[in-house]
Amino acid sequence: MKLVWILSFLFLSSCSSSANEIAVENDNSFPYNVENQKILFIGNSFTFYWNLPSQIEKMSIERGLNWNVTHFTVPSATLKIHWNNPDLISLLENEVFDHIIIQEHSTNILTNADGNSKFYFGQIRSIIPVSTQIHFFSTWMYPSMEQFNIDNEEYPIEESIKDIIEGTTTKLIPVGRAFKLFQEKHPQFSLLMEDEKHPNSNGSYLASCVIFSHLSDESSVNLSKRYKGLDNKGVEIYYSIVEDEVLPFLQQISDEVIF
């Protein structure tokens, strides 16, 4: 019961914070290190559920890459909300990152009902140094979103993002494509919470694998199934846990989409 409470607290909390905690559960690190890269996630609950940024940082440590991952996440935030947040603007103006991963509200990217995604992406991008590689996190379609797929496209969110980033050096991360492929091949496993919208631990792990491989150009196969750290009281906690029966399928689908 205590573990369940801790996990619930972790993925329901939202803040701008560093993902630095403690080493991965199993010390399988590669016998070399590379220079730390600073990575920033900008998004909402689809980014922070089940500690996705922390999972990715732990994956990098396991492979000897030692990324320093930070996230600036606000529940239900759109790019318009982020652009009007002085704390984010201050962060972008005062710190330099090697990679910035941007995630727009999934519905708004199709409807632009709460601010034009392309416009606000351009505004945010305008204060990011050209030395920083920007990536756009393509999220997944969930059942209640199908009404917005007016052109009946296979990957409507990806198509919208391609229009948004056209003419820039921004790279698309096809997480939504991986979700769709996984659900087609392994329908016995769920990727979403009971609300059929937010990712469960399987979904966040799959997204973490896709993003890790996208950034590192390394396969996620044989990465650990769980990562742990310490909370602010020094108590050991797990960021997320996936079961053995689903782990290889998540990693294989990630590889299929990325490579």
Protein backbone atom coordinates (compact mmCIF):
# COMPACT_ATOMS: atom_id res chain seq x y z
CA MET A 1 0.00 0.00 0.00
CA LYS A 2 2.86 2.35 0.81
CA LEU A 3 4.43 1.78 -2.64
CA VAL A 4 1.11 2.48 -4.36
CA TRP A 5 0.73 5.73 -2.42
CA ILE A 6 4.25 6.84 -3.31
CA LEU A 7 3.81 6.09 -7.01
CA SER A 8 0.47 7.91 -7.06
CA PHE A 9 2.06 10.95 -5.47
CA LEU A 10 4.89 10.95 -7.97
CA PHE A 11 2.98 10.90 -11.21
CA LEU A 12 0.22 13.24 -10.05
CA SER A 13 2.64 15.95 -8.96
CA SER A 14 3.67 18.65 -11.42
CA CYS A 15 6.49 21.16 -11.23
CA SER A 16 9.62 22.47 -12.84
CA SER A 17 12.29 20.23 -11.37
CA SER A 18 15.47 18.33 -12.00
CA ALA A 19 15.27 14.61 -12.59
CA ASN A 20 18.52 14.01 -10.70
CA GLU A 21 18.04 11.40 -7.98
CA ILE A 22 20.10 8.21 -7.53
CA ALA A 23 21.71 5.53 -9.69
CA VAL A 24 19.62 2.95 -11.54
CA GLU A 25 18.43 -0.16 -9.74
CA ASN A 26 20.92 -2.48 -11.39
CA ASP A 27 24.41 -1.17 -12.06
CA ASN A 28 24.62 -2.18 -15.71
CA SER A 29 26.29 1.04 -16.83
CA PHE A 30 28.53 0.90 -19.85
CA PRO A 31 32.25 1.10 -18.98
CA TYR A 32 32.63 4.63 -20.31
CA ASN A 33 31.15 8.05 -19.82
CA VAL A 34 30.43 10.88 -22.19
CA GLU A 35 29.99 14.57 -21.49
CA ASN A 36 26.71 15.37 -19.78
CA GLN A 37 24.03 16.82 -22.01
CA LYS A 38 21.39 19.13 -20.58
CA ILE A 39 17.87 18.26 -21.66
CA LEU A 40 14.69 20.23 -20.94
CA PHE A 41 11.12 18.98 -21.34
CA ILE A 42 8.34 21.52 -21.78
CA GLY A 43 4.86 20.02 -21.58
CA ASN A 44 1.93 18.96 -19.44
CA SER A 45 0.66 15.80 -17.73
CA PHE A 46 1.43 13.64 -20.77
CA THR A 47 5.08 14.47 -20.10
CA PHE A 48 5.20 14.24 -16.31
CA TYR A 49 2.99 11.17 -15.65
CA TRP A 50 4.95 8.26 -14.18
CA ASN A 51 8.09 10.41 -14.01
CA LEU A 52 8.90 10.15 -17.71
CA PRO A 53 11.78 12.69 -17.60
CA SER A 54 13.36 10.85 -14.65
CA GLN A 55 13.01 7.50 -16.41
CA ILE A 56 14.83 8.87 -19.45
CA GLU A 57 17.61 10.27 -17.30
CA LYS A 58 18.03 6.89 -15.60
CA MET A 59 18.13 5.14 -18.98
CA SER A 60 20.94 7.48 -20.01
CA ILE A 61 22.87 6.76 -16.82
CA GLU A 62 22.45 3.03 -17.37
CA ARG A 63 24.07 3.43 -20.79
CA GLY A 64 26.86 5.72 -19.57
CA LEU A 65 25.42 8.84 -21.21
CA ASN A 66 24.66 10.67 -17.95
CA TRP A 67 22.11 13.20 -19.20
CA ASN A 68 20.96 15.99 -16.93
CA VAL A 69 17.21 16.09 -17.47
CA THR A 70 14.94 18.91 -16.28
CA HIS A 71 11.25 19.37 -16.91
CA PHE A 72 8.92 22.37 -16.90
CA THR A 73 5.42 20.90 -16.83
CA VAL A 74 2.00 22.34 -16.03
CA PRO A 75 -1.25 20.32 -16.01
CA SER A 76 -3.32 20.79 -19.20
CA ALA A 77 -0.91 23.44 -20.47
CA THR A 78 -0.89 24.53 -24.10
CA LEU A 79 2.01 26.29 -25.78
CA LYS A 80 0.09 29.55 -25.34
CA ILE A 81 -0.01 29.00 -21.57
CA HIS A 82 3.69 28.19 -21.53
CA TRP A 83 4.57 31.27 -23.58
CA ASN A 84 2.71 33.45 -21.08
CA ASN A 85 4.47 31.87 -18.10
CA PRO A 86 7.25 34.23 -16.93
CA ASP A 87 9.03 31.40 -15.09
CA LEU A 88 9.52 29.47 -18.33
CA ILE A 89 10.62 32.57 -20.21
CA SER A 90 13.16 33.31 -17.48
CA LEU A 91 14.44 29.73 -17.61
CA LEU A 92 14.90 29.83 -21.38
CA GLU A 93 16.59 33.23 -21.27
CA ASN A 94 19.03 32.30 -18.51
CA GLU A 95 19.95 28.68 -19.16
CA VAL A 96 21.25 26.89 -22.23
CA PHE A 97 20.25 23.31 -23.02
CA ASP A 98 21.62 20.85 -25.55
CA HIS A 99 18.12 19.56 -26.31
CA ILE A 100 14.64 20.94 -25.63
CA ILE A 101 11.64 18.64 -26.07
CA ILE A 102 8.32 20.44 -26.54
CA GLN A 103 4.91 18.84 -26.08
CA GLU A 104 1.70 20.64 -27.03
CA HIS A 105 -1.74 19.86 -25.61
CA SER A 106 -2.96 16.97 -27.79
CA THR A 107 -6.41 18.38 -28.51
CA ASN A 108 -5.22 21.91 -29.14
CA ILE A 109 -2.70 20.75 -31.71
CA LEU A 110 -5.65 19.60 -33.84
CA THR A 111 -8.15 22.38 -33.06
CA ASN A 112 -6.09 25.47 -32.11
CA ALA A 113 -9.02 26.30 -29.85
CA ASP A 114 -6.72 27.65 -27.12
CA GLY A 115 -4.12 29.47 -29.16
CA ASN A 116 -2.52 28.74 -32.52
CA SER A 117 0.07 26.02 -31.91
CA LYS A 118 2.30 27.08 -34.78
CA PHE A 119 2.37 30.70 -33.65
CA TYR A 120 3.21 29.93 -30.03
CA PHE A 121 5.77 27.32 -30.99
CA GLY A 122 7.44 30.04 -33.06
CA GLN A 123 7.38 32.42 -30.10
CA ILE A 124 9.00 29.91 -27.77
CA ARG A 125 11.50 28.87 -30.42
CA SER A 126 12.50 32.52 -30.95
CA ILE A 127 14.16 32.71 -27.52
CA ILE A 128 15.95 29.36 -27.74
CA PRO A 129 19.58 29.57 -28.94
CA VAL A 130 20.28 28.12 -32.38
CA SER A 131 22.86 25.82 -30.75
CA THR A 132 20.02 23.97 -28.99
CA GLN A 133 18.36 21.11 -30.86
CA ILE A 134 14.58 21.35 -30.53
CA HIS A 135 12.37 18.26 -30.66
CA PHE A 136 8.57 18.07 -30.84
CA PHE A 137 6.97 15.28 -28.78
CA SER A 138 4.15 13.82 -30.89
CA THR A 139 1.58 12.42 -28.47
CA TRP A 140 -1.10 9.77 -29.07
CA MET A 141 -4.69 9.78 -30.20
CA TYR A 142 -7.11 8.65 -27.50
CA PRO A 143 -10.79 7.69 -27.99
CA SER A 144 -12.45 11.05 -27.28
CA MET A 145 -10.07 12.80 -29.71
CA GLU A 146 -11.23 10.95 -32.82
CA GLN A 147 -13.94 13.57 -33.40
CA PHE A 148 -11.16 16.05 -34.22
CA ASN A 149 -9.57 13.82 -36.87
CA ILE A 150 -11.68 15.42 -39.57
CA ASP A 151 -9.46 14.26 -42.43
CA ASN A 152 -9.42 10.67 -41.13
CA GLU A 153 -5.61 10.60 -41.10
CA GLU A 154 -3.65 7.67 -39.68
CA TYR A 155 -1.40 9.95 -37.62
CA PRO A 156 -3.22 13.30 -37.37
CA ILE A 157 -1.07 14.70 -34.56
CA GLU A 158 2.11 13.96 -36.50
CA GLU A 159 0.69 15.64 -39.59
CA SER A 160 -0.15 18.76 -37.57
CA ILE A 161 3.33 18.83 -36.05
CA LYS A 162 4.96 18.51 -39.47
CA ASP A 163 3.11 21.67 -40.50
CA ILE A 164 4.14 23.44 -37.28
CA ILE A 165 7.86 22.65 -37.61
CA GLU A 166 8.10 23.04 -41.39
CA GLY A 167 11.08 25.19 -42.35
CA THR A 168 12.85 24.67 -39.01
CA THR A 169 15.49 22.22 -37.81
CA THR A 170 13.08 20.80 -35.21
CA LYS A 171 12.90 17.00 -35.07
CA LEU A 172 9.67 15.07 -34.53
CA ILE A 173 9.57 12.31 -31.89
CA PRO A 174 6.93 9.76 -33.00
CA VAL A 175 5.61 8.60 -29.62
CA GLY A 176 2.01 8.53 -30.85
CA ARG A 177 3.03 6.31 -33.77
CA ALA A 178 4.58 3.86 -31.28
CA PHE A 179 1.39 3.83 -29.20
CA LYS A 180 -0.72 3.02 -32.25
CA LEU A 181 1.62 0.26 -33.42
CA PHE A 182 1.78 -1.27 -29.94
CA GLN A 183 -2.01 -1.29 -29.58
CA GLU A 184 -2.34 -2.98 -32.98
CA LYS A 185 0.23 -5.68 -32.21
CA HIS A 186 -0.39 -6.21 -28.50
CA PRO A 187 -4.03 -5.32 -27.74
CA GLN A 188 -3.94 -7.48 -24.59
CA PHE A 189 -1.88 -4.78 -22.86
CA SER A 190 -3.12 -1.28 -22.11
CA LEU A 191 -1.06 1.89 -22.46
CA LEU A 192 -3.59 4.27 -20.91
CA MET A 193 -5.05 4.93 -17.47
CA GLU A 194 -8.72 4.30 -16.73
CA ASP A 195 -9.56 7.73 -18.14
CA GLU A 196 -8.45 6.39 -21.56
CA LYS A 197 -6.32 9.48 -22.01
CA HIS A 198 -3.27 9.68 -19.74
CA PRO A 199 -0.48 7.10 -20.01
CA ASN A 200 -0.22 4.30 -17.49
CA SER A 201 3.17 2.93 -16.46
CA ASN A 202 3.39 0.90 -19.69
CA GLY A 203 2.59 3.97 -21.77
CA SER A 204 5.12 6.21 -20.06
CA TYR A 205 7.78 3.51 -20.32
CA LEU A 206 7.12 3.13 -24.05
CA ALA A 207 7.30 6.91 -24.51
CA SER A 208 10.55 6.95 -22.50
CA CYS A 209 12.07 4.26 -24.72
CA VAL A 210 11.10 6.12 -27.89
CA ILE A 211 12.52 9.42 -26.65
CA PHE A 212 15.69 7.79 -25.29
CA SER A 213 16.40 6.04 -28.59
CA HIS A 214 15.52 9.15 -30.61
CA LEU A 215 18.05 11.22 -28.66
CA SER A 216 20.79 8.61 -28.25
CA ASP A 217 20.44 6.61 -31.48
CA GLU A 218 20.70 3.51 -29.24
CA SER A 219 18.25 0.64 -28.90
CA SER A 220 16.17 0.47 -25.72
CA VAL A 221 16.34 -3.35 -25.74
CA ASN A 222 17.75 -4.73 -22.48
CA LEU A 223 17.21 -1.52 -20.52
CA SER A 224 15.95 -2.07 -16.97
CA LYS A 225 12.24 -2.53 -16.31
CA ARG A 226 12.19 -0.17 -13.33
CA TYR A 227 14.15 2.80 -12.06
CA LYS A 228 14.36 4.16 -8.55
CA GLY A 229 15.62 7.14 -6.62
CA LEU A 230 15.17 8.97 -3.34
CA ASP A 231 12.39 11.36 -2.40
CA ASN A 232 13.08 14.63 -0.58
CA LYS A 233 13.10 12.76 2.74
CA GLY A 234 15.66 10.23 1.56
CA VAL A 235 13.11 7.44 1.19
CA GLU A 236 13.70 5.05 -1.72
CA ILE A 237 10.94 5.22 -4.33
CA TYR A 238 10.30 3.69 -7.75
CA TYR A 239 9.63 6.06 -10.62
CA SER A 240 7.70 3.42 -12.53
CA ILE A 241 7.44 -0.35 -12.86
CA VAL A 242 6.58 -2.50 -15.88
CA GLU A 243 6.09 -6.25 -15.77
CA ASP A 244 8.35 -8.82 -17.42
CA GLU A 245 5.59 -10.04 -19.74
CA VAL A 246 5.19 -6.63 -21.42
CA LEU A 247 8.75 -5.23 -21.18
CA PRO A 248 10.23 -6.79 -24.38
CA PHE A 249 7.20 -5.74 -26.44
CA LEU A 250 7.54 -2.12 -25.33
CA GLN A 251 11.24 -2.06 -26.21
CA GLN A 252 10.73 -3.84 -29.54
CA ILE A 253 7.99 -1.46 -30.65
CA SER A 254 10.17 1.51 -29.75
CA ASP A 255 12.99 0.11 -31.88
CA GLU A 256 10.63 -0.59 -34.76
CA VAL A 257 9.41 3.00 -34.80
CA ILE A 258 12.80 4.67 -34.35
CA PHE A 259 15.04 2.41 -36.41
